Amino acid sequence: MWRTIWKGMWSHKRRLLGTTTAVVLGVAFLVAALATGDTMTAGFDGLYRTANSGVDVVVRHDTVIGAGDIGTRGTIDADLVNELRAVGGVAEVDPVIEGSGRIIGSDGVPIGGNGPPTTATNWLGDSPLNSWTLASGRAPVDVPAGQPYEVVIDMASASTGHLSIGDETTVQTPAPTAVVVVGVASIGGADSLGPTTFAAFTEDAAAHLVGR
C-alpha cells in the first residue's frame, strides 16, 4: 500500500512540489501576519499606557455622532474646568481642544491623512497630563494679530516634512493657517503616535482655529 502511495506521489513530482510549497508559504505568511499584528498591538498598547500614565479620568460629552473610535463627541463648556478643579482629590485639570489640522511639509505636500488622524490641539505645557515631551524648541505663545501662529509638531512630521525650528509653513484647520514651528515633540519615547500627525497651538489659538 505504502509503495503504491509513494509511487503515485513520485509520478506527480511537480504537483507534489507545488502543493507542498503552497502550504509552506501559506502557513509562513499566516504566522508572519499574526506575529506582526500582535507586535504592533502590543507596541501601541504600551505606547498608550506610557503616554497616558498621568491621566486618571477623561471628562467628555455623552453624545456621540458616528460609531466607535471614529465617532465625534459633542463639546463641553470650558467653565467646567474650574468646577472640576474644586472637587476634592483632584490634583490637575486641563482642557483639551481637539480637531483636524493637516501639516504642510516644506515641499508643499500635506503630511499624513488618508485615514489616520491629523490632530490639531492645544499644547498642555508642563502639566502632568501632557502626553507629549518637547524634544527641541519651546512651547507656543500667543502672537499679535497678523503674525503666523506658533505651533509644536511631532518629530515624525518634522522629519517627513523636512521642517525645523523656525520654519514657516501651513496647517489646514481646515482653513489654511500660517504657522511657525517653535517646538518638536515626542510621545512616550516615540516620534509620533503611529501614523497620526500632531500640531499643538496655544489654548486661545486652538480655540479660535479648531473650536472643538
N, C-alpha and C. Protein backbone atom coordinates (compact mmCIF):
# COMPACT_ATOMS: atom_id res chain seq x y z
N MET A 1 0.83 -1.22 0.00
CA MET A 1 0.00 0.00 0.00
C MET A 1 0.86 1.26 0.00
N TRP A 2 1.84 1.30 0.95
CA TRP A 2 2.70 2.47 1.00
C TRP A 2 3.51 2.63 -0.28
N ARG A 3 3.90 1.47 -0.84
CA ARG A 3 4.66 1.53 -2.08
C ARG A 3 3.83 2.15 -3.20
N THR A 4 2.55 1.77 -3.22
CA THR A 4 1.65 2.33 -4.24
C THR A 4 1.47 3.83 -4.05
N ILE A 5 1.34 4.24 -2.79
CA ILE A 5 1.16 5.68 -2.49
C ILE A 5 2.39 6.47 -2.91
N TRP A 6 3.57 5.98 -2.50
CA TRP A 6 4.81 6.69 -2.85
C TRP A 6 5.03 6.70 -4.36
N LYS A 7 4.69 5.62 -5.00
CA LYS A 7 4.87 5.56 -6.45
C LYS A 7 3.96 6.57 -7.15
N GLY A 8 2.71 6.68 -6.64
CA GLY A 8 1.78 7.64 -7.23
C GLY A 8 2.23 9.08 -7.00
N MET A 9 2.75 9.34 -5.79
CA MET A 9 3.23 10.68 -5.49
C MET A 9 4.45 11.02 -6.33
N TRP A 10 5.35 10.04 -6.47
CA TRP A 10 6.58 10.29 -7.22
C TRP A 10 6.30 10.51 -8.71
N SER A 11 5.24 9.91 -9.19
CA SER A 11 4.89 10.09 -10.60
C SER A 11 4.30 11.47 -10.88
N HIS A 12 3.97 12.20 -9.79
CA HIS A 12 3.45 13.58 -9.94
C HIS A 12 4.31 14.53 -9.10
N LYS A 13 5.60 14.47 -9.38
CA LYS A 13 6.56 15.23 -8.56
C LYS A 13 6.26 16.73 -8.58
N ARG A 14 5.96 17.25 -9.75
CA ARG A 14 5.72 18.70 -9.85
C ARG A 14 4.50 19.12 -9.05
N ARG A 15 3.44 18.33 -9.16
CA ARG A 15 2.23 18.63 -8.40
C ARG A 15 2.50 18.57 -6.90
N LEU A 16 3.26 17.55 -6.47
CA LEU A 16 3.60 17.39 -5.06
C LEU A 16 4.43 18.58 -4.57
N LEU A 17 5.43 18.95 -5.38
CA LEU A 17 6.30 20.09 -5.00
C LEU A 17 5.50 21.39 -4.93
N GLY A 18 4.62 21.61 -5.90
CA GLY A 18 3.82 22.83 -5.91
C GLY A 18 2.87 22.91 -4.73
N THR A 19 2.21 21.77 -4.42
CA THR A 19 1.28 21.75 -3.30
C THR A 19 2.02 21.99 -1.98
N THR A 20 3.16 21.30 -1.82
CA THR A 20 3.94 21.45 -0.58
C THR A 20 4.43 22.88 -0.42
N THR A 21 4.92 23.46 -1.51
CA THR A 21 5.40 24.84 -1.45
C THR A 21 4.28 25.81 -1.09
N ALA A 22 3.10 25.58 -1.69
CA ALA A 22 1.96 26.47 -1.41
C ALA A 22 1.55 26.39 0.05
N VAL A 23 1.54 25.18 0.61
CA VAL A 23 1.17 25.01 2.01
C VAL A 23 2.19 25.68 2.93
N VAL A 24 3.47 25.47 2.66
CA VAL A 24 4.53 26.05 3.48
C VAL A 24 4.48 27.58 3.43
N LEU A 25 4.35 28.12 2.23
CA LEU A 25 4.29 29.58 2.09
C LEU A 25 3.05 30.16 2.76
N GLY A 26 1.92 29.48 2.59
CA GLY A 26 0.68 29.95 3.21
C GLY A 26 0.79 30.00 4.72
N VAL A 27 1.32 28.93 5.30
CA VAL A 27 1.49 28.89 6.77
C VAL A 27 2.48 29.97 7.21
N ALA A 28 3.56 30.14 6.45
CA ALA A 28 4.58 31.14 6.81
C ALA A 28 3.99 32.55 6.78
N PHE A 29 3.21 32.87 5.74
CA PHE A 29 2.59 34.18 5.65
C PHE A 29 1.60 34.41 6.79
N LEU A 30 0.83 33.37 7.12
CA LEU A 30 -0.14 33.49 8.21
C LEU A 30 0.56 33.75 9.54
N VAL A 31 1.62 32.97 9.81
CA VAL A 31 2.38 33.16 11.06
C VAL A 31 2.98 34.56 11.11
N ALA A 32 3.56 35.02 9.99
CA ALA A 32 4.17 36.34 9.95
C ALA A 32 3.14 37.44 10.17
N ALA A 33 1.96 37.28 9.55
CA ALA A 33 0.91 38.29 9.70
C ALA A 33 0.41 38.36 11.13
N LEU A 34 0.19 37.20 11.75
CA LEU A 34 -0.29 37.17 13.13
C LEU A 34 0.76 37.73 14.09
N ALA A 35 2.02 37.38 13.87
CA ALA A 35 3.09 37.88 14.73
C ALA A 35 3.25 39.38 14.61
N THR A 36 3.18 39.88 13.36
CA THR A 36 3.30 41.32 13.14
C THR A 36 2.14 42.07 13.78
N GLY A 37 0.93 41.53 13.60
CA GLY A 37 -0.25 42.18 14.19
C GLY A 37 -0.17 42.23 15.70
N ASP A 38 0.24 41.11 16.32
CA ASP A 38 0.36 41.07 17.78
C ASP A 38 1.44 42.03 18.27
N THR A 39 2.55 42.10 17.53
CA THR A 39 3.63 43.01 17.92
C THR A 39 3.19 44.46 17.84
N MET A 40 2.49 44.81 16.76
CA MET A 40 2.01 46.18 16.61
C MET A 40 0.99 46.54 17.69
N THR A 41 0.08 45.59 17.98
CA THR A 41 -0.92 45.84 19.02
C THR A 41 -0.27 46.05 20.37
N ALA A 42 0.70 45.18 20.70
CA ALA A 42 1.40 45.31 21.97
C ALA A 42 2.18 46.63 22.04
N GLY A 43 2.78 47.01 20.91
CA GLY A 43 3.52 48.27 20.87
C GLY A 43 2.63 49.47 21.11
N PHE A 44 1.46 49.50 20.44
CA PHE A 44 0.53 50.62 20.62
C PHE A 44 -0.04 50.64 22.03
N ASP A 45 -0.34 49.43 22.57
CA ASP A 45 -0.86 49.38 23.95
C ASP A 45 0.16 49.95 24.93
N GLY A 46 1.41 49.56 24.76
CA GLY A 46 2.46 50.07 25.64
C GLY A 46 2.66 51.56 25.49
N LEU A 47 2.59 52.05 24.23
CA LEU A 47 2.76 53.48 23.99
C LEU A 47 1.63 54.28 24.61
N TYR A 48 0.39 53.80 24.46
CA TYR A 48 -0.76 54.49 25.07
C TYR A 48 -0.66 54.50 26.59
N ARG A 49 -0.24 53.36 27.17
CA ARG A 49 -0.11 53.30 28.63
C ARG A 49 0.93 54.28 29.12
N THR A 50 2.06 54.35 28.42
CA THR A 50 3.13 55.27 28.82
C THR A 50 2.69 56.72 28.65
N ALA A 51 2.07 57.01 27.51
CA ALA A 51 1.68 58.39 27.21
C ALA A 51 0.59 58.90 28.15
N ASN A 52 -0.30 58.01 28.58
CA ASN A 52 -1.43 58.42 29.41
C ASN A 52 -1.28 58.01 30.87
N SER A 53 -0.04 57.76 31.28
CA SER A 53 0.19 57.27 32.64
C SER A 53 -0.24 58.27 33.71
N GLY A 54 -0.27 59.57 33.38
CA GLY A 54 -0.65 60.57 34.37
C GLY A 54 -2.12 60.92 34.36
N VAL A 55 -2.89 60.28 33.48
CA VAL A 55 -4.32 60.61 33.32
C VAL A 55 -5.17 59.56 34.02
N ASP A 56 -5.99 60.01 34.97
CA ASP A 56 -6.90 59.09 35.67
C ASP A 56 -8.31 59.13 35.10
N VAL A 57 -8.76 60.32 34.69
CA VAL A 57 -10.14 60.49 34.23
C VAL A 57 -10.17 61.41 33.02
N VAL A 58 -10.96 61.06 32.03
CA VAL A 58 -11.24 61.94 30.89
C VAL A 58 -12.71 62.31 30.93
N VAL A 59 -12.99 63.60 31.02
CA VAL A 59 -14.38 64.09 31.06
C VAL A 59 -14.77 64.50 29.65
N ARG A 60 -15.86 63.94 29.14
CA ARG A 60 -16.26 64.26 27.78
C ARG A 60 -17.78 64.19 27.66
N HIS A 61 -18.30 64.75 26.59
CA HIS A 61 -19.73 64.78 26.34
C HIS A 61 -20.25 63.37 26.09
N ASP A 62 -21.48 63.10 26.52
CA ASP A 62 -22.02 61.75 26.34
C ASP A 62 -22.70 61.55 24.99
N THR A 63 -22.79 62.60 24.18
CA THR A 63 -23.39 62.49 22.85
C THR A 63 -22.31 62.17 21.82
N VAL A 64 -22.53 61.13 21.04
CA VAL A 64 -21.57 60.71 20.02
C VAL A 64 -22.27 60.67 18.67
N ILE A 65 -21.66 61.31 17.68
CA ILE A 65 -22.15 61.23 16.31
C ILE A 65 -21.19 60.32 15.56
N GLY A 66 -21.69 59.22 15.04
CA GLY A 66 -20.83 58.23 14.42
C GLY A 66 -20.73 57.01 15.31
N ALA A 67 -19.70 56.20 15.10
CA ALA A 67 -19.58 54.96 15.85
C ALA A 67 -18.12 54.69 16.20
N GLY A 68 -17.94 54.02 17.33
CA GLY A 68 -16.61 53.56 17.71
C GLY A 68 -15.64 54.70 17.95
N ASP A 69 -14.36 54.41 17.66
CA ASP A 69 -13.30 55.39 17.89
C ASP A 69 -13.36 56.57 16.92
N ILE A 70 -14.09 56.42 15.81
CA ILE A 70 -14.14 57.50 14.84
C ILE A 70 -15.36 58.40 15.07
N GLY A 71 -16.12 58.13 16.09
CA GLY A 71 -17.27 58.97 16.40
C GLY A 71 -16.84 60.34 16.89
N THR A 72 -17.65 61.36 16.60
CA THR A 72 -17.38 62.72 17.04
C THR A 72 -18.27 63.05 18.22
N ARG A 73 -17.68 63.49 19.31
CA ARG A 73 -18.44 63.81 20.51
C ARG A 73 -18.81 65.28 20.54
N GLY A 74 -19.89 65.57 21.27
CA GLY A 74 -20.27 66.95 21.48
C GLY A 74 -19.23 67.66 22.35
N THR A 75 -19.24 68.97 22.31
CA THR A 75 -18.28 69.74 23.11
C THR A 75 -18.82 69.98 24.51
N ILE A 76 -17.93 70.30 25.44
CA ILE A 76 -18.33 70.65 26.79
C ILE A 76 -17.84 72.05 27.09
N ASP A 77 -18.53 72.74 28.01
CA ASP A 77 -18.21 74.12 28.34
C ASP A 77 -16.86 74.20 29.05
N ALA A 78 -16.03 75.15 28.64
CA ALA A 78 -14.71 75.32 29.25
C ALA A 78 -14.81 75.68 30.72
N ASP A 79 -15.93 76.28 31.14
CA ASP A 79 -16.09 76.64 32.56
C ASP A 79 -16.12 75.41 33.46
N LEU A 80 -16.38 74.23 32.89
CA LEU A 80 -16.41 73.01 33.68
C LEU A 80 -15.04 72.72 34.30
N VAL A 81 -13.97 73.24 33.68
CA VAL A 81 -12.62 73.03 34.20
C VAL A 81 -12.51 73.54 35.63
N ASN A 82 -13.03 74.75 35.87
CA ASN A 82 -12.95 75.33 37.22
C ASN A 82 -13.77 74.52 38.22
N GLU A 83 -14.92 74.00 37.79
CA GLU A 83 -15.73 73.17 38.69
C GLU A 83 -14.99 71.89 39.07
N LEU A 84 -14.32 71.29 38.11
CA LEU A 84 -13.60 70.04 38.38
C LEU A 84 -12.40 70.30 39.29
N ARG A 85 -11.74 71.43 39.11
CA ARG A 85 -10.60 71.75 39.96
C ARG A 85 -11.00 71.91 41.43
N ALA A 86 -12.26 72.24 41.66
CA ALA A 86 -12.74 72.44 43.04
C ALA A 86 -13.16 71.14 43.71
N VAL A 87 -13.16 70.04 42.96
CA VAL A 87 -13.56 68.75 43.51
C VAL A 87 -12.44 68.20 44.38
N GLY A 88 -12.77 67.70 45.55
CA GLY A 88 -11.77 67.14 46.45
C GLY A 88 -11.03 65.97 45.84
N GLY A 89 -9.72 65.94 46.01
CA GLY A 89 -8.92 64.84 45.49
C GLY A 89 -8.42 65.04 44.08
N VAL A 90 -8.88 66.09 43.41
CA VAL A 90 -8.44 66.36 42.04
C VAL A 90 -7.11 67.12 42.09
N ALA A 91 -6.09 66.57 41.47
CA ALA A 91 -4.76 67.18 41.51
C ALA A 91 -4.53 68.13 40.34
N GLU A 92 -5.05 67.80 39.18
CA GLU A 92 -4.77 68.62 37.99
C GLU A 92 -5.91 68.45 37.00
N VAL A 93 -6.33 69.55 36.38
CA VAL A 93 -7.35 69.52 35.33
C VAL A 93 -6.87 70.39 34.18
N ASP A 94 -6.93 69.88 32.98
CA ASP A 94 -6.54 70.67 31.80
C ASP A 94 -7.59 70.49 30.70
N PRO A 95 -8.01 71.59 30.08
CA PRO A 95 -8.93 71.47 28.95
C PRO A 95 -8.19 71.05 27.68
N VAL A 96 -8.81 70.24 26.89
CA VAL A 96 -8.23 69.81 25.62
C VAL A 96 -9.16 70.22 24.49
N ILE A 97 -8.63 70.98 23.57
CA ILE A 97 -9.36 71.39 22.36
C ILE A 97 -8.77 70.60 21.20
N GLU A 98 -9.60 69.81 20.56
CA GLU A 98 -9.05 68.91 19.55
C GLU A 98 -9.90 68.91 18.28
N GLY A 99 -9.21 68.94 17.17
CA GLY A 99 -9.87 68.88 15.87
C GLY A 99 -8.88 68.42 14.82
N SER A 100 -9.15 68.77 13.59
CA SER A 100 -8.30 68.35 12.48
C SER A 100 -7.35 69.47 12.07
N GLY A 101 -6.10 69.13 11.83
CA GLY A 101 -5.13 70.09 11.35
C GLY A 101 -4.04 69.40 10.56
N ARG A 102 -4.05 69.54 9.25
CA ARG A 102 -3.08 68.83 8.41
C ARG A 102 -1.86 69.71 8.16
N ILE A 103 -0.70 69.21 8.54
CA ILE A 103 0.54 69.96 8.41
C ILE A 103 1.05 69.86 6.96
N ILE A 104 1.48 70.99 6.42
CA ILE A 104 2.06 71.01 5.08
C ILE A 104 3.58 71.01 5.20
N GLY A 105 4.23 70.09 4.48
CA GLY A 105 5.69 70.00 4.53
C GLY A 105 6.36 71.15 3.80
N SER A 106 7.69 71.22 3.92
CA SER A 106 8.43 72.30 3.28
C SER A 106 8.34 72.28 1.76
N ASP A 107 7.99 71.10 1.22
CA ASP A 107 7.84 70.97 -0.23
C ASP A 107 6.42 71.25 -0.70
N GLY A 108 5.54 71.66 0.24
CA GLY A 108 4.16 71.99 -0.13
C GLY A 108 3.23 70.80 -0.15
N VAL A 109 3.73 69.62 0.21
CA VAL A 109 2.92 68.40 0.20
C VAL A 109 2.34 68.15 1.59
N PRO A 110 1.02 67.92 1.71
CA PRO A 110 0.41 67.63 3.01
C PRO A 110 0.99 66.36 3.62
N ILE A 111 1.14 66.35 4.95
CA ILE A 111 1.69 65.21 5.66
C ILE A 111 0.55 64.40 6.27
N GLY A 112 0.60 63.08 6.10
CA GLY A 112 -0.39 62.21 6.72
C GLY A 112 -1.75 62.31 6.07
N GLY A 113 -2.76 61.94 6.85
CA GLY A 113 -4.13 61.92 6.34
C GLY A 113 -4.45 60.62 5.65
N ASN A 114 -5.49 60.62 4.84
CA ASN A 114 -5.93 59.43 4.11
C ASN A 114 -6.22 58.26 5.05
N GLY A 115 -6.79 58.58 6.21
CA GLY A 115 -7.13 57.53 7.18
C GLY A 115 -6.75 57.92 8.58
N PRO A 116 -5.44 57.84 8.93
CA PRO A 116 -5.02 58.22 10.28
C PRO A 116 -5.31 59.68 10.59
N PRO A 117 -5.64 60.00 11.85
CA PRO A 117 -5.99 61.38 12.21
C PRO A 117 -4.85 62.36 11.99
N THR A 118 -5.21 63.57 11.61
CA THR A 118 -4.27 64.69 11.57
C THR A 118 -4.75 65.67 12.65
N THR A 119 -4.16 65.56 13.81
CA THR A 119 -4.69 66.21 15.01
C THR A 119 -4.16 67.62 15.19
N ALA A 120 -5.07 68.54 15.46
CA ALA A 120 -4.73 69.90 15.89
C ALA A 120 -5.32 70.09 17.27
N THR A 121 -4.52 70.58 18.21
CA THR A 121 -4.95 70.67 19.58
C THR A 121 -4.22 71.81 20.30
N ASN A 122 -4.37 71.87 21.62
CA ASN A 122 -3.66 72.87 22.41
C ASN A 122 -2.52 72.21 23.17
N TRP A 123 -1.41 72.93 23.30
CA TRP A 123 -0.23 72.42 24.00
C TRP A 123 -0.46 72.56 25.50
N LEU A 124 -0.28 71.46 26.25
CA LEU A 124 -0.56 71.45 27.68
C LEU A 124 0.65 71.82 28.54
N GLY A 125 1.77 72.13 27.90
CA GLY A 125 2.93 72.63 28.63
C GLY A 125 3.51 71.61 29.59
N ASP A 126 3.84 72.07 30.80
CA ASP A 126 4.48 71.21 31.80
C ASP A 126 3.49 70.42 32.64
N SER A 127 2.24 70.44 32.26
CA SER A 127 1.22 69.71 33.01
C SER A 127 1.53 68.21 33.04
N PRO A 128 1.30 67.54 34.18
CA PRO A 128 1.49 66.09 34.22
C PRO A 128 0.53 65.33 33.31
N LEU A 129 -0.49 66.03 32.81
CA LEU A 129 -1.45 65.41 31.89
C LEU A 129 -0.99 65.48 30.44
N ASN A 130 0.13 66.17 30.19
CA ASN A 130 0.64 66.30 28.82
C ASN A 130 1.38 65.03 28.43
N SER A 131 0.85 64.31 27.45
CA SER A 131 1.48 63.07 26.99
C SER A 131 2.73 63.33 26.16
N TRP A 132 2.87 64.55 25.66
CA TRP A 132 3.95 64.89 24.76
C TRP A 132 5.10 65.56 25.51
N THR A 133 6.32 65.34 25.02
CA THR A 133 7.52 65.92 25.61
C THR A 133 8.29 66.67 24.53
N LEU A 134 8.70 67.89 24.84
CA LEU A 134 9.48 68.66 23.88
C LEU A 134 10.84 68.01 23.66
N ALA A 135 11.15 67.69 22.41
CA ALA A 135 12.46 67.15 22.07
C ALA A 135 13.41 68.28 21.71
N SER A 136 12.86 69.35 21.18
CA SER A 136 13.66 70.55 20.86
C SER A 136 12.71 71.73 20.75
N GLY A 137 13.28 72.93 20.90
CA GLY A 137 12.46 74.14 20.79
C GLY A 137 11.77 74.47 22.09
N ARG A 138 10.63 75.13 21.98
CA ARG A 138 9.89 75.62 23.15
C ARG A 138 8.40 75.51 22.91
N ALA A 139 7.64 75.85 23.96
CA ALA A 139 6.19 75.84 23.86
C ALA A 139 5.70 77.04 23.05
N PRO A 140 4.54 76.94 22.41
CA PRO A 140 3.99 78.08 21.65
C PRO A 140 3.47 79.16 22.59
N VAL A 141 3.48 80.38 22.12
CA VAL A 141 2.90 81.51 22.85
C VAL A 141 1.98 82.26 21.90
N ASP A 142 1.06 83.03 22.46
CA ASP A 142 0.16 83.83 21.63
C ASP A 142 0.94 84.97 20.97
N VAL A 143 0.59 85.27 19.74
CA VAL A 143 1.29 86.29 18.96
C VAL A 143 0.29 87.38 18.54
N PRO A 144 0.79 88.57 18.20
CA PRO A 144 -0.09 89.65 17.73
C PRO A 144 -0.83 89.24 16.45
N ALA A 145 -1.98 89.84 16.25
CA ALA A 145 -2.77 89.55 15.06
C ALA A 145 -1.97 89.84 13.80
N GLY A 146 -2.11 88.98 12.82
CA GLY A 146 -1.41 89.16 11.56
C GLY A 146 -0.12 88.37 11.46
N GLN A 147 0.41 87.91 12.58
CA GLN A 147 1.63 87.11 12.57
C GLN A 147 1.27 85.63 12.51
N PRO A 148 2.18 84.79 11.98
CA PRO A 148 1.91 83.35 11.95
C PRO A 148 1.75 82.79 13.37
N TYR A 149 0.81 81.87 13.53
CA TYR A 149 0.62 81.23 14.82
C TYR A 149 1.83 80.35 15.13
N GLU A 150 2.17 80.25 16.41
CA GLU A 150 3.25 79.35 16.82
C GLU A 150 2.68 77.96 17.08
N VAL A 151 3.47 76.93 16.70
CA VAL A 151 2.97 75.56 16.78
C VAL A 151 4.09 74.60 17.17
N VAL A 152 3.71 73.56 17.91
CA VAL A 152 4.60 72.43 18.19
C VAL A 152 4.10 71.26 17.36
N ILE A 153 5.01 70.57 16.65
CA ILE A 153 4.62 69.44 15.83
C ILE A 153 5.38 68.18 16.29
N ASP A 154 4.89 67.02 15.87
CA ASP A 154 5.54 65.77 16.25
C ASP A 154 6.81 65.55 15.45
N MET A 155 7.72 64.76 16.01
CA MET A 155 9.02 64.53 15.38
C MET A 155 8.89 63.85 14.03
N ALA A 156 7.92 62.93 13.91
CA ALA A 156 7.74 62.22 12.64
C ALA A 156 7.34 63.18 11.53
N SER A 157 6.43 64.11 11.83
CA SER A 157 6.01 65.09 10.82
C SER A 157 7.15 66.03 10.46
N ALA A 158 7.94 66.40 11.48
CA ALA A 158 9.08 67.27 11.22
C ALA A 158 10.07 66.59 10.27
N SER A 159 10.29 65.29 10.49
CA SER A 159 11.21 64.54 9.64
C SER A 159 10.64 64.35 8.24
N THR A 160 9.37 63.93 8.17
CA THR A 160 8.74 63.69 6.87
C THR A 160 8.63 64.96 6.04
N GLY A 161 8.26 66.06 6.71
CA GLY A 161 8.06 67.32 6.00
C GLY A 161 9.29 68.19 5.90
N HIS A 162 10.43 67.68 6.42
CA HIS A 162 11.69 68.44 6.41
C HIS A 162 11.49 69.83 7.04
N LEU A 163 10.89 69.81 8.22
CA LEU A 163 10.60 71.04 8.93
C LEU A 163 11.47 71.13 10.18
N SER A 164 12.00 72.32 10.44
CA SER A 164 12.87 72.55 11.59
C SER A 164 12.36 73.73 12.39
N ILE A 165 12.92 73.92 13.57
CA ILE A 165 12.56 75.05 14.41
C ILE A 165 12.78 76.35 13.64
N GLY A 166 11.78 77.20 13.65
CA GLY A 166 11.88 78.49 12.96
C GLY A 166 11.30 78.49 11.56
N ASP A 167 11.00 77.31 11.01
CA ASP A 167 10.43 77.23 9.66
C ASP A 167 8.97 77.69 9.67
N GLU A 168 8.59 78.38 8.62
CA GLU A 168 7.19 78.77 8.46
C GLU A 168 6.52 77.82 7.47
N THR A 169 5.31 77.42 7.77
CA THR A 169 4.56 76.52 6.90
C THR A 169 3.08 76.79 7.08
N THR A 170 2.25 75.83 6.69
CA THR A 170 0.80 75.98 6.77
C THR A 170 0.21 74.76 7.46
N VAL A 171 -0.80 74.99 8.31
CA VAL A 171 -1.60 73.92 8.88
C VAL A 171 -3.04 74.15 8.44
N GLN A 172 -3.63 73.16 7.80
CA GLN A 172 -5.01 73.27 7.34
C GLN A 172 -5.94 72.87 8.48
N THR A 173 -6.72 73.84 9.01
CA THR A 173 -7.50 73.59 10.25
C THR A 173 -9.03 73.63 10.15
N PRO A 174 -9.73 73.49 9.06
CA PRO A 174 -9.26 73.16 7.72
C PRO A 174 -8.83 74.36 6.88
N ALA A 175 -9.14 75.60 7.33
CA ALA A 175 -8.69 76.76 6.57
C ALA A 175 -7.17 76.83 6.62
N PRO A 176 -6.50 77.18 5.53
CA PRO A 176 -5.04 77.30 5.54
C PRO A 176 -4.59 78.34 6.56
N THR A 177 -3.78 77.93 7.52
CA THR A 177 -3.34 78.80 8.60
C THR A 177 -1.82 78.89 8.60
N ALA A 178 -1.30 80.10 8.50
CA ALA A 178 0.15 80.31 8.51
C ALA A 178 0.68 80.07 9.92
N VAL A 179 1.74 79.26 10.03
CA VAL A 179 2.32 78.94 11.33
C VAL A 179 3.84 79.00 11.24
N VAL A 180 4.47 79.11 12.40
CA VAL A 180 5.92 78.97 12.51
C VAL A 180 6.18 77.86 13.54
N VAL A 181 7.04 76.93 13.19
CA VAL A 181 7.36 75.82 14.08
C VAL A 181 8.30 76.30 15.17
N VAL A 182 7.85 76.21 16.42
CA VAL A 182 8.69 76.64 17.55
C VAL A 182 9.12 75.46 18.42
N GLY A 183 8.52 74.29 18.21
CA GLY A 183 8.87 73.12 19.00
C GLY A 183 8.60 71.83 18.26
N VAL A 184 9.39 70.82 18.58
CA VAL A 184 9.21 69.47 18.03
C VAL A 184 9.11 68.52 19.22
N ALA A 185 8.10 67.66 19.22
CA ALA A 185 7.80 66.84 20.41
C ALA A 185 7.72 65.35 20.08
N SER A 186 7.94 64.53 21.11
CA SER A 186 7.78 63.09 21.02
C SER A 186 6.73 62.66 22.03
N ILE A 187 6.26 61.41 21.90
CA ILE A 187 5.24 60.91 22.80
C ILE A 187 5.62 59.50 23.26
N GLY A 188 5.77 59.34 24.56
CA GLY A 188 6.12 58.03 25.10
C GLY A 188 7.41 57.47 24.54
N GLY A 189 8.35 58.34 24.17
CA GLY A 189 9.61 57.89 23.60
C GLY A 189 9.54 57.62 22.10
N ALA A 190 8.38 57.80 21.48
CA ALA A 190 8.20 57.57 20.05
C ALA A 190 8.12 58.91 19.32
N ASP A 191 8.44 58.88 18.02
CA ASP A 191 8.41 60.11 17.23
C ASP A 191 7.01 60.63 17.02
N SER A 192 6.02 59.75 17.07
CA SER A 192 4.63 60.14 16.93
C SER A 192 3.75 58.99 17.40
N LEU A 193 2.46 59.23 17.42
CA LEU A 193 1.51 58.19 17.80
C LEU A 193 1.13 57.43 16.54
N GLY A 194 2.01 56.52 16.12
CA GLY A 194 1.81 55.80 14.88
C GLY A 194 1.82 56.77 13.70
N PRO A 195 0.90 56.60 12.74
CA PRO A 195 0.85 57.49 11.58
C PRO A 195 0.09 58.79 11.83
N THR A 196 -0.36 59.01 13.08
CA THR A 196 -1.09 60.23 13.42
C THR A 196 -0.14 61.43 13.43
N THR A 197 -0.56 62.56 12.87
CA THR A 197 0.23 63.79 12.96
C THR A 197 -0.30 64.66 14.09
N PHE A 198 0.55 65.57 14.56
CA PHE A 198 0.23 66.34 15.77
C PHE A 198 0.69 67.78 15.57
N ALA A 199 -0.24 68.72 15.76
CA ALA A 199 0.07 70.15 15.71
C ALA A 199 -0.60 70.82 16.90
N ALA A 200 0.20 71.40 17.80
CA ALA A 200 -0.34 71.96 19.04
C ALA A 200 -0.10 73.47 19.09
N PHE A 201 -1.19 74.21 19.31
CA PHE A 201 -1.15 75.66 19.42
C PHE A 201 -1.33 76.06 20.89
N THR A 202 -1.34 77.36 21.16
CA THR A 202 -1.75 77.81 22.48
C THR A 202 -3.24 77.52 22.65
N GLU A 203 -3.70 77.58 23.88
CA GLU A 203 -5.12 77.28 24.12
C GLU A 203 -6.02 78.27 23.40
N ASP A 204 -5.69 79.57 23.45
CA ASP A 204 -6.50 80.58 22.78
C ASP A 204 -6.49 80.38 21.26
N ALA A 205 -5.31 80.08 20.71
CA ALA A 205 -5.21 79.88 19.27
C ALA A 205 -5.99 78.65 18.84
N ALA A 206 -5.89 77.56 19.62
CA ALA A 206 -6.61 76.34 19.29
C ALA A 206 -8.11 76.57 19.35
N ALA A 207 -8.57 77.33 20.36
CA ALA A 207 -10.00 77.61 20.48
C ALA A 207 -10.49 78.41 19.27
N HIS A 208 -9.65 79.29 18.78
CA HIS A 208 -10.03 80.12 17.63
C HIS A 208 -9.98 79.32 16.32
N LEU A 209 -8.93 78.50 16.16
CA LEU A 209 -8.73 77.80 14.89
C LEU A 209 -9.51 76.50 14.80
N VAL A 210 -9.53 75.75 15.89
CA VAL A 210 -10.15 74.42 15.86
C VAL A 210 -11.55 74.48 16.42
N GLY A 211 -11.69 75.09 17.60
CA GLY A 211 -13.01 75.37 18.16
C GLY A 211 -13.79 74.18 18.64
N ARG A 212 -13.16 73.02 18.91
CA ARG A 212 -13.89 71.85 19.41
C ARG A 212 -13.53 71.62 20.86
